[in-house]
C-alpha atoms as a PDB file:
ATOM      1  CA  UNK A   1      30.638 -22.469  18.446  1.00  0.00           C
ATOM      2  CA  UNK A   2      28.219 -23.066  15.605  1.00  0.00           C
ATOM      3  CA  UNK A   3      25.755 -20.397  14.616  1.00  0.00           C
ATOM      4  CA  UNK A   4      23.163 -22.191  12.537  1.00  0.00           C
ATOM      5  CA  UNK A   5      20.338 -19.882  11.472  1.00  0.00           C
ATOM      6  CA  UNK A   6      16.815 -21.124  12.094  1.00  0.00           C
ATOM      7  CA  UNK A   7      13.204 -20.049  11.764  1.00  0.00           C
ATOM      8  CA  UNK A   8       9.955 -21.310  13.274  1.00  0.00           C
ATOM      9  CA  UNK A   9       6.902 -21.724  11.030  1.00  0.00           C
ATOM     10  CA  UNK A  10       3.464 -21.801  12.620  1.00  0.00           C
ATOM     11  CA  UNK A  11       0.426 -22.324  10.407  1.00  0.00           C
ATOM     12  CA  UNK A  12       1.796 -20.055   7.725  1.00  0.00           C
ATOM     13  CA  UNK A  13       0.174 -17.328   5.666  1.00  0.00           C
ATOM     14  CA  UNK A  14       0.713 -16.189   2.088  1.00  0.00           C
ATOM     15  CA  UNK A  15       3.648 -18.549   1.696  1.00  0.00           C
ATOM     16  CA  UNK A  16       5.538 -19.140  -1.514  1.00  0.00           C
ATOM     17  CA  UNK A  17       6.190 -22.849  -2.168  1.00  0.00           C
ATOM     18  CA  UNK A  18       9.846 -23.687  -1.611  1.00  0.00           C
ATOM     19  CA  UNK A  19      10.559 -20.353   0.072  1.00  0.00           C
ATOM     20  CA  UNK A  20      11.915 -20.087   3.601  1.00  0.00           C
ATOM     21  CA  UNK A  21      12.955 -17.132   5.711  1.00  0.00           C
ATOM     22  CA  UNK A  22      16.152 -18.958   6.652  1.00  0.00           C
ATOM     23  CA  UNK A  23      18.988 -20.727   4.907  1.00  0.00           C
ATOM     24  CA  UNK A  24      19.351 -22.906   8.007  1.00  0.00           C
ATOM     25  CA  UNK A  25      16.918 -25.077   9.920  1.00  0.00           C
ATOM     26  CA  UNK A  26      13.155 -24.577   9.582  1.00  0.00           C
ATOM     27  CA  UNK A  27      11.201 -25.755  12.623  1.00  0.00           C
ATOM     28  CA  UNK A  28       7.664 -26.464  11.410  1.00  0.00           C
ATOM     29  CA  UNK A  29       4.858 -26.531  13.968  1.00  0.00           C
ATOM     30  CA  UNK A  30       2.531 -28.305  11.506  1.00  0.00           C
ATOM     31  CA  UNK A  31       1.902 -31.306  13.780  1.00  0.00           C
ATOM     32  CA  UNK A  32       0.772 -29.129  16.681  1.00  0.00           C
ATOM     33  CA  UNK A  33      -2.868 -28.991  15.597  1.00  0.00           C
ATOM     34  CA  UNK A  34      -4.901 -29.745  18.717  1.00  0.00           C
ATOM     35  CA  UNK A  35      -8.071 -27.832  19.530  1.00  0.00           C
ATOM     36  CA  UNK A  36      -9.510 -28.465  22.992  1.00  0.00           C
ATOM     37  CA  UNK A  37     -12.463 -26.513  24.353  1.00  0.00           C
ATOM     38  CA  UNK A  38     -12.795 -26.378  28.156  1.00  0.00           C
ATOM     39  CA  UNK A  39     -16.421 -25.439  28.819  1.00  0.00           C
ATOM     40  CA  UNK A  40     -15.940 -25.153  32.590  1.00  0.00           C
ATOM     41  CA  UNK A  41     -13.165 -22.552  32.153  1.00  0.00           C
ATOM     42  CA  UNK A  42     -14.491 -21.081  28.900  1.00  0.00           C
ATOM     43  CA  UNK A  43     -11.037 -21.431  27.348  1.00  0.00           C
ATOM     44  CA  UNK A  44      -9.598 -23.110  24.265  1.00  0.00           C
ATOM     45  CA  UNK A  45      -6.211 -24.814  23.898  1.00  0.00           C
ATOM     46  CA  UNK A  46      -4.834 -24.307  20.392  1.00  0.00           C
ATOM     47  CA  UNK A  47      -1.813 -25.861  18.718  1.00  0.00           C
ATOM     48  CA  UNK A  48       0.719 -23.542  17.080  1.00  0.00           C
ATOM     49  CA  UNK A  49       0.386 -25.268  13.692  1.00  0.00           C
ATOM     50  CA  UNK A  50      -3.281 -24.371  13.195  1.00  0.00           C
ATOM     51  CA  UNK A  51      -4.894 -21.886  10.871  1.00  0.00           C
ATOM     52  CA  UNK A  52      -7.740 -19.765  12.210  1.00  0.00           C
ATOM     53  CA  UNK A  53      -9.987 -21.454   9.627  1.00  0.00           C
ATOM     54  CA  UNK A  54      -9.411 -24.783  11.442  1.00  0.00           C
ATOM     55  CA  UNK A  55     -10.267 -23.222  14.795  1.00  0.00           C
ATOM     56  CA  UNK A  56     -13.510 -21.647  13.583  1.00  0.00           C
ATOM     57  CA  UNK A  57     -14.573 -24.882  11.866  1.00  0.00           C
ATOM     58  CA  UNK A  58     -14.368 -26.769  15.181  1.00  0.00           C
ATOM     59  CA  UNK A  59     -15.776 -24.045  17.453  1.00  0.00           C
ATOM     60  CA  UNK A  60     -18.639 -22.727  15.283  1.00  0.00           C
ATOM     61  CA  UNK A  61     -20.862 -25.808  15.816  1.00  0.00           C
ATOM     62  CA  UNK A  62     -20.392 -25.290  19.584  1.00  0.00           C
ATOM     63  CA  UNK A  63     -21.520 -21.653  19.232  1.00  0.00           C
ATOM     64  CA  UNK A  64     -18.113 -20.575  20.575  1.00  0.00           C
ATOM     65  CA  UNK A  65     -15.909 -17.894  19.079  1.00  0.00           C
ATOM     66  CA  UNK A  66     -12.461 -16.499  19.808  1.00  0.00           C
ATOM     67  CA  UNK A  67     -10.583 -13.265  19.223  1.00  0.00           C
ATOM     68  CA  UNK A  68      -8.834 -14.575  16.124  1.00  0.00           C
ATOM     69  CA  UNK A  69      -7.897 -13.883  12.529  1.00  0.00           C
ATOM     70  CA  UNK A  70     -10.114 -12.027  10.086  1.00  0.00           C
ATOM     71  CA  UNK A  71      -8.773 -13.478   6.833  1.00  0.00           C
ATOM     72  CA  UNK A  72      -8.692 -17.094   5.661  1.00  0.00           C
ATOM     73  CA  UNK A  73      -5.378 -18.905   5.591  1.00  0.00           C
ATOM     74  CA  UNK A  74      -3.841 -17.081   8.564  1.00  0.00           C
ATOM     75  CA  UNK A  75      -1.893 -19.128  11.107  1.00  0.00           C
ATOM     76  CA  UNK A  76      -2.699 -18.615  14.774  1.00  0.00           C
ATOM     77  CA  UNK A  77       0.904 -18.454  16.002  1.00  0.00           C
ATOM     78  CA  UNK A  78       2.023 -15.614  13.749  1.00  0.00           C
ATOM     79  CA  UNK A  79      -1.162 -13.614  14.182  1.00  0.00           C
ATOM     80  CA  UNK A  80      -0.983 -13.779  17.973  1.00  0.00           C
ATOM     81  CA  UNK A  81       2.750 -13.029  18.111  1.00  0.00           C
ATOM     82  CA  UNK A  82       2.117  -9.958  15.954  1.00  0.00           C
ATOM     83  CA  UNK A  83      -0.654  -8.749  18.262  1.00  0.00           C
ATOM     84  CA  UNK A  84      -3.605 -10.047  16.290  1.00  0.00           C
ATOM     85  CA  UNK A  85      -6.369  -7.773  15.094  1.00  0.00           C
ATOM     86  CA  UNK A  86      -9.753  -9.479  15.108  1.00  0.00           C
ATOM     87  CA  UNK A  87     -13.320  -8.543  14.260  1.00  0.00           C
ATOM     88  CA  UNK A  88     -13.784  -8.618  18.041  1.00  0.00           C
ATOM     89  CA  UNK A  89     -10.770  -6.440  18.948  1.00  0.00           C
ATOM     90  CA  UNK A  90     -12.860  -3.313  19.638  1.00  0.00           C
ATOM     91  CA  UNK A  91     -14.712  -5.233  22.330  1.00  0.00           C
ATOM     92  CA  UNK A  92     -12.056  -7.664  23.659  1.00  0.00           C
ATOM     93  CA  UNK A  93      -8.669  -6.240  22.639  1.00  0.00           C
ATOM     94  CA  UNK A  94      -6.068  -7.905  20.442  1.00  0.00           C
ATOM     95  CA  UNK A  95      -5.684 -11.668  20.156  1.00  0.00           C
ATOM     96  CA  UNK A  96      -2.535 -11.567  22.274  1.00  0.00           C
ATOM     97  CA  UNK A  97      -4.450  -9.765  25.047  1.00  0.00           C
ATOM     98  CA  UNK A  98      -6.672 -12.832  25.366  1.00  0.00           C
ATOM     99  CA  UNK A  99      -3.935 -15.443  25.777  1.00  0.00           C
ATOM    100  CA  UNK A 100      -3.990 -16.918  29.279  1.00  0.00           C
ATOM    101  CA  UNK A 101      -0.830 -19.002  28.991  1.00  0.00           C
ATOM    102  CA  UNK A 102       1.672 -20.518  26.587  1.00  0.00           C
ATOM    103  CA  UNK A 103       3.079 -24.006  26.929  1.00  0.00           C
ATOM    104  CA  UNK A 104       6.622 -24.579  25.713  1.00  0.00           C
ATOM    105  CA  UNK A 105       7.764 -28.109  24.947  1.00  0.00           C
ATOM    106  CA  UNK A 106      11.427 -29.090  24.846  1.00  0.00           C
ATOM    107  CA  UNK A 107      10.821 -32.697  23.796  1.00  0.00           C
END
């Protein structure tokens, strides 16, 4: 049995160059950067490698907003997994409260 330590990195936030939380394998989600707005369902599909800045840049011209990060440079994956306080949390709850589903890929 091999016990190789690993960590998963979403968009990242306040990272130090060359620093990792593991001495083993780092799984970077940096290529998962899709943003798809579904007007008929009023939902947004977001890739785990995005920063909230990226999301707002795409959705603002559509006059759409989400319950997301309040500070620039924050990754969506980490914020949501930590609960996710937003400027809209008083009205809509935490970011994680607004997630409809997660999709896990094993490819």
